[in-house]
Amino acid sequence: MGLFDELGKAVGGAVGGAGGPAGGGGQAALLQALLGLLQGGGLQTLLQSLQQKGLGNIAASWIGTGANLPISAEQVTQVLGHDTLGKLAGQAGLDPKAAAGAISSILPGLVDQLSPGGALPDAGALQGALSGMLSGGLGDTLKKLF
């Protein structure tokens, strides 16, 4: 199963189960907002925040080659902060609790896919991967998912 298959199922389940908007609009918007957050050094900032909040072992599992440890919606809220979470939720048309639940489902797999071979790519390669996901690749994939 590919990354976007997993993301679509996770976001669909979290959004659908939380009374979120029907269809892929909210799902696509949340995924796009999250990918946007990770651009321009945001992935490093996220990983540093996880470390500072005592969740470095979780982040390390996402980057490593073994199984990804889960993160709870509460931990997502703690790491992102209420302001950032509220912004992401607003961009997706979701309430922050539903957004935190969806993000907790997709973030481990997303970071894992962005760190092939158990290492973070250099800034240029990471930026290229995120830009590709945000541009045509995201739209095409979301059409297939929904």
C-alpha atoms as a PDB file:
ATOM      1  CA  MET A   1       0.000   0.000   0.000  1.00  0.00           C
ATOM      2  CA  GLY A   2       1.415   3.400  -0.962  1.00  0.00           C
ATOM      3  CA  LEU A   3       1.853   6.485   1.158  1.00  0.00           C
ATOM      4  CA  PHE A   4      -1.188   8.278  -0.202  1.00  0.00           C
ATOM      5  CA  ASP A   5      -3.339   5.179   0.157  1.00  0.00           C
ATOM      6  CA  GLU A   6      -2.414   5.133   3.846  1.00  0.00           C
ATOM      7  CA  LEU A   7      -2.889   8.884   4.177  1.00  0.00           C
ATOM      8  CA  GLY A   8      -6.256   8.792   2.482  1.00  0.00           C
ATOM      9  CA  LYS A   9      -7.514   5.960   4.664  1.00  0.00           C
ATOM     10  CA  ALA A  10      -6.213   7.594   7.842  1.00  0.00           C
ATOM     11  CA  VAL A  11      -7.550  11.045   7.069  1.00  0.00           C
ATOM     12  CA  GLY A  12     -10.817   9.639   5.757  1.00  0.00           C
ATOM     13  CA  GLY A  13     -11.365   7.611   8.904  1.00  0.00           C
ATOM     14  CA  ALA A  14     -10.464  10.425  11.262  1.00  0.00           C
ATOM     15  CA  VAL A  15     -12.451  13.068   9.418  1.00  0.00           C
ATOM     16  CA  GLY A  16     -15.423  10.838   8.707  1.00  0.00           C
ATOM     17  CA  GLY A  17     -15.497   9.534  12.246  1.00  0.00           C
ATOM     18  CA  ALA A  18     -15.373  13.037  13.674  1.00  0.00           C
ATOM     19  CA  GLY A  19     -18.299  14.379  11.736  1.00  0.00           C
ATOM     20  CA  GLY A  20     -16.046  16.271   9.361  1.00  0.00           C
ATOM     21  CA  PRO A  21     -16.954  17.343   5.874  1.00  0.00           C
ATOM     22  CA  ALA A  22     -18.077  14.671   3.504  1.00  0.00           C
ATOM     23  CA  GLY A  23     -15.904  13.725   0.572  1.00  0.00           C
ATOM     24  CA  GLY A  24     -12.250  14.440  -0.007  1.00  0.00           C
ATOM     25  CA  GLY A  25     -12.317  18.255   0.291  1.00  0.00           C
ATOM     26  CA  GLY A  26     -11.451  18.389   3.993  1.00  0.00           C
ATOM     27  CA  GLN A  27      -9.080  15.475   3.629  1.00  0.00           C
ATOM     28  CA  ALA A  28      -7.208  17.067   0.763  1.00  0.00           C
ATOM     29  CA  ALA A  29      -7.062  20.414   2.534  1.00  0.00           C
ATOM     30  CA  LEU A  30      -5.658  18.876   5.729  1.00  0.00           C
ATOM     31  CA  LEU A  31      -3.028  16.912   3.840  1.00  0.00           C
ATOM     32  CA  GLN A  32      -2.087  19.992   1.825  1.00  0.00           C
ATOM     33  CA  ALA A  33      -1.868  22.130   4.978  1.00  0.00           C
ATOM     34  CA  LEU A  34       0.303  19.533   6.710  1.00  0.00           C
ATOM     35  CA  LEU A  35       2.651  19.235   3.738  1.00  0.00           C
ATOM     36  CA  GLY A  36       2.863  23.022   3.597  1.00  0.00           C
ATOM     37  CA  LEU A  37       3.810  23.099   7.269  1.00  0.00           C
ATOM     38  CA  LEU A  38       6.689  20.707   6.623  1.00  0.00           C
ATOM     39  CA  GLN A  39       8.177  22.867   3.847  1.00  0.00           C
ATOM     40  CA  GLY A  40      10.900  25.418   4.446  1.00  0.00           C
ATOM     41  CA  GLY A  41      12.500  23.803   7.487  1.00  0.00           C
ATOM     42  CA  GLY A  42       9.214  22.781   9.064  1.00  0.00           C
ATOM     43  CA  LEU A  43      10.151  19.108   9.190  1.00  0.00           C
ATOM     44  CA  GLN A  44      13.291  19.891  11.175  1.00  0.00           C
ATOM     45  CA  THR A  45      11.293  22.187  13.462  1.00  0.00           C
ATOM     46  CA  LEU A  46       8.720  19.440  14.008  1.00  0.00           C
ATOM     47  CA  LEU A  47      11.406  16.876  14.818  1.00  0.00           C
ATOM     48  CA  GLN A  48      13.098  19.290  17.242  1.00  0.00           C
ATOM     49  CA  SER A  49       9.766  19.963  18.950  1.00  0.00           C
ATOM     50  CA  LEU A  50       9.146  16.235  19.329  1.00  0.00           C
ATOM     51  CA  GLN A  51      12.590  15.901  20.908  1.00  0.00           C
ATOM     52  CA  GLN A  52      12.023  18.846  23.260  1.00  0.00           C
ATOM     53  CA  LYS A  53       8.655  17.440  24.366  1.00  0.00           C
ATOM     54  CA  GLY A  54      10.257  14.103  25.319  1.00  0.00           C
ATOM     55  CA  LEU A  55       9.014  12.313  22.206  1.00  0.00           C
ATOM     56  CA  GLY A  56      12.373  11.879  20.488  1.00  0.00           C
ATOM     57  CA  ASN A  57      12.007   8.095  20.500  1.00  0.00           C
ATOM     58  CA  ILE A  58       8.787   8.416  18.514  1.00  0.00           C
ATOM     59  CA  ALA A  59      10.406  10.718  15.943  1.00  0.00           C
ATOM     60  CA  ALA A  60      13.430   8.426  15.681  1.00  0.00           C
ATOM     61  CA  SER A  61      11.165   5.472  14.886  1.00  0.00           C
ATOM     62  CA  TRP A  62       9.612   7.367  11.972  1.00  0.00           C
ATOM     63  CA  ILE A  63      13.006   8.155  10.491  1.00  0.00           C
ATOM     64  CA  GLY A  64      14.536   4.754  11.210  1.00  0.00           C
ATOM     65  CA  THR A  65      13.946   1.627   9.197  1.00  0.00           C
ATOM     66  CA  GLY A  66      11.939  -0.236  11.845  1.00  0.00           C
ATOM     67  CA  ALA A  67       8.303   0.020  12.829  1.00  0.00           C
ATOM     68  CA  ASN A  68       6.821   3.489  13.337  1.00  0.00           C
ATOM     69  CA  LEU A  69       5.701   4.257  16.866  1.00  0.00           C
ATOM     70  CA  PRO A  70       2.281   5.904  17.129  1.00  0.00           C
ATOM     71  CA  ILE A  71       1.601   9.418  18.339  1.00  0.00           C
ATOM     72  CA  SER A  72      -1.646  10.359  20.045  1.00  0.00           C
ATOM     73  CA  ALA A  73      -3.879  13.292  19.163  1.00  0.00           C
ATOM     74  CA  GLU A  74      -2.977  14.816  22.528  1.00  0.00           C
ATOM     75  CA  GLN A  75       0.731  14.528  21.745  1.00  0.00           C
ATOM     76  CA  VAL A  76       0.148  16.129  18.334  1.00  0.00           C
ATOM     77  CA  THR A  77      -1.549  19.042  20.078  1.00  0.00           C
ATOM     78  CA  GLN A  78       1.331  19.300  22.554  1.00  0.00           C
ATOM     79  CA  VAL A  79       3.978  19.288  19.823  1.00  0.00           C
ATOM     80  CA  LEU A  80       2.261  21.578  17.311  1.00  0.00           C
ATOM     81  CA  GLY A  81       0.679  23.888  19.855  1.00  0.00           C
ATOM     82  CA  HIS A  82      -2.898  25.106  19.827  1.00  0.00           C
ATOM     83  CA  ASP A  83      -2.197  27.984  17.422  1.00  0.00           C
ATOM     84  CA  THR A  84      -0.562  25.875  14.706  1.00  0.00           C
ATOM     85  CA  LEU A  85      -3.097  23.089  15.116  1.00  0.00           C
ATOM     86  CA  GLY A  86      -5.919  25.611  14.908  1.00  0.00           C
ATOM     87  CA  LYS A  87      -4.449  27.039  11.721  1.00  0.00           C
ATOM     88  CA  LEU A  88      -4.140  23.599  10.111  1.00  0.00           C
ATOM     89  CA  ALA A  89      -7.655  22.695  11.211  1.00  0.00           C
ATOM     90  CA  GLY A  90      -9.023  25.974   9.862  1.00  0.00           C
ATOM     91  CA  GLN A  91      -7.358  25.417   6.484  1.00  0.00           C
ATOM     92  CA  ALA A  92      -9.047  22.015   6.307  1.00  0.00           C
ATOM     93  CA  GLY A  93     -12.412  23.161   7.630  1.00  0.00           C
ATOM     94  CA  LEU A  94     -12.135  20.864  10.653  1.00  0.00           C
ATOM     95  CA  ASP A  95     -12.283  21.375  14.363  1.00  0.00           C
ATOM     96  CA  PRO A  96      -8.848  21.118  16.038  1.00  0.00           C
ATOM     97  CA  LYS A  97      -9.672  17.851  17.814  1.00  0.00           C
ATOM     98  CA  ALA A  98     -10.565  16.116  14.541  1.00  0.00           C
ATOM     99  CA  ALA A  99      -7.476  17.564  12.862  1.00  0.00           C
ATOM    100  CA  ALA A 100      -5.220  16.347  15.696  1.00  0.00           C
ATOM    101  CA  GLY A 101      -6.678  12.854  15.358  1.00  0.00           C
ATOM    102  CA  ALA A 102      -6.138  12.808  11.612  1.00  0.00           C
ATOM    103  CA  ILE A 103      -2.608  14.184  11.904  1.00  0.00           C
ATOM    104  CA  SER A 104      -1.735  11.565  14.530  1.00  0.00           C
ATOM    105  CA  SER A 105      -2.762   8.904  12.023  1.00  0.00           C
ATOM    106  CA  ILE A 106      -0.837  10.231   9.048  1.00  0.00           C
ATOM    107  CA  LEU A 107       2.266  11.879  10.489  1.00  0.00           C
ATOM    108  CA  PRO A 108       4.281   8.719  11.264  1.00  0.00           C
ATOM    109  CA  GLY A 109       3.879   7.370   7.727  1.00  0.00           C
ATOM    110  CA  LEU A 110       4.481  10.744   6.131  1.00  0.00           C
ATOM    111  CA  VAL A 111       7.768  11.353   7.976  1.00  0.00           C
ATOM    112  CA  ASP A 112       8.771   7.742   7.283  1.00  0.00           C
ATOM    113  CA  GLN A 113       8.223   8.224   3.551  1.00  0.00           C
ATOM    114  CA  LEU A 114      10.156  11.493   3.612  1.00  0.00           C
ATOM    115  CA  SER A 115      13.158   9.751   5.184  1.00  0.00           C
ATOM    116  CA  PRO A 116      13.939   6.833   2.878  1.00  0.00           C
ATOM    117  CA  GLY A 117      16.602   4.440   4.038  1.00  0.00           C
ATOM    118  CA  GLY A 118      16.346   5.659   7.611  1.00  0.00           C
ATOM    119  CA  ALA A 119      17.878   9.096   7.038  1.00  0.00           C
ATOM    120  CA  LEU A 120      16.511  12.557   6.406  1.00  0.00           C
ATOM    121  CA  PRO A 121      17.242  13.786   2.898  1.00  0.00           C
ATOM    122  CA  ASP A 122      19.173  16.985   2.356  1.00  0.00           C
ATOM    123  CA  ALA A 123      17.142  20.188   2.277  1.00  0.00           C
ATOM    124  CA  GLY A 124      16.959  20.296  -1.526  1.00  0.00           C
ATOM    125  CA  ALA A 125      15.712  16.727  -1.908  1.00  0.00           C
ATOM    126  CA  LEU A 126      13.188  17.191   0.899  1.00  0.00           C
ATOM    127  CA  GLN A 127      11.909  20.422  -0.618  1.00  0.00           C
ATOM    128  CA  GLY A 128      11.558  18.692  -3.975  1.00  0.00           C
ATOM    129  CA  ALA A 129       9.617  15.787  -2.492  1.00  0.00           C
ATOM    130  CA  LEU A 130       7.261  18.078  -0.586  1.00  0.00           C
ATOM    131  CA  SER A 131       6.769  20.354  -3.590  1.00  0.00           C
ATOM    132  CA  GLY A 132       5.955  17.348  -5.739  1.00  0.00           C
ATOM    133  CA  MET A 133       3.386  16.133  -3.238  1.00  0.00           C
ATOM    134  CA  LEU A 134       1.799  19.585  -3.050  1.00  0.00           C
ATOM    135  CA  SER A 135       1.641  20.096  -6.798  1.00  0.00           C
ATOM    136  CA  GLY A 136       0.252  17.732  -9.397  1.00  0.00           C
ATOM    137  CA  GLY A 137       1.220  14.573  -7.539  1.00  0.00           C
ATOM    138  CA  LEU A 138      -1.088  15.364  -4.638  1.00  0.00           C
ATOM    139  CA  GLY A 139      -4.013  16.253  -6.869  1.00  0.00           C
ATOM    140  CA  ASP A 140      -3.641  13.126  -8.996  1.00  0.00           C
ATOM    141  CA  THR A 141      -3.285  10.905  -5.966  1.00  0.00           C
ATOM    142  CA  LEU A 142      -6.267  12.409  -4.180  1.00  0.00           C
ATOM    143  CA  LYS A 143      -8.416  11.830  -7.286  1.00  0.00           C
ATOM    144  CA  LYS A 144      -7.517   8.156  -7.095  1.00  0.00           C
ATOM    145  CA  LEU A 145      -8.257   8.006  -3.363  1.00  0.00           C
ATOM    146  CA  PHE A 146     -11.610   9.716  -3.391  1.00  0.00           C
END
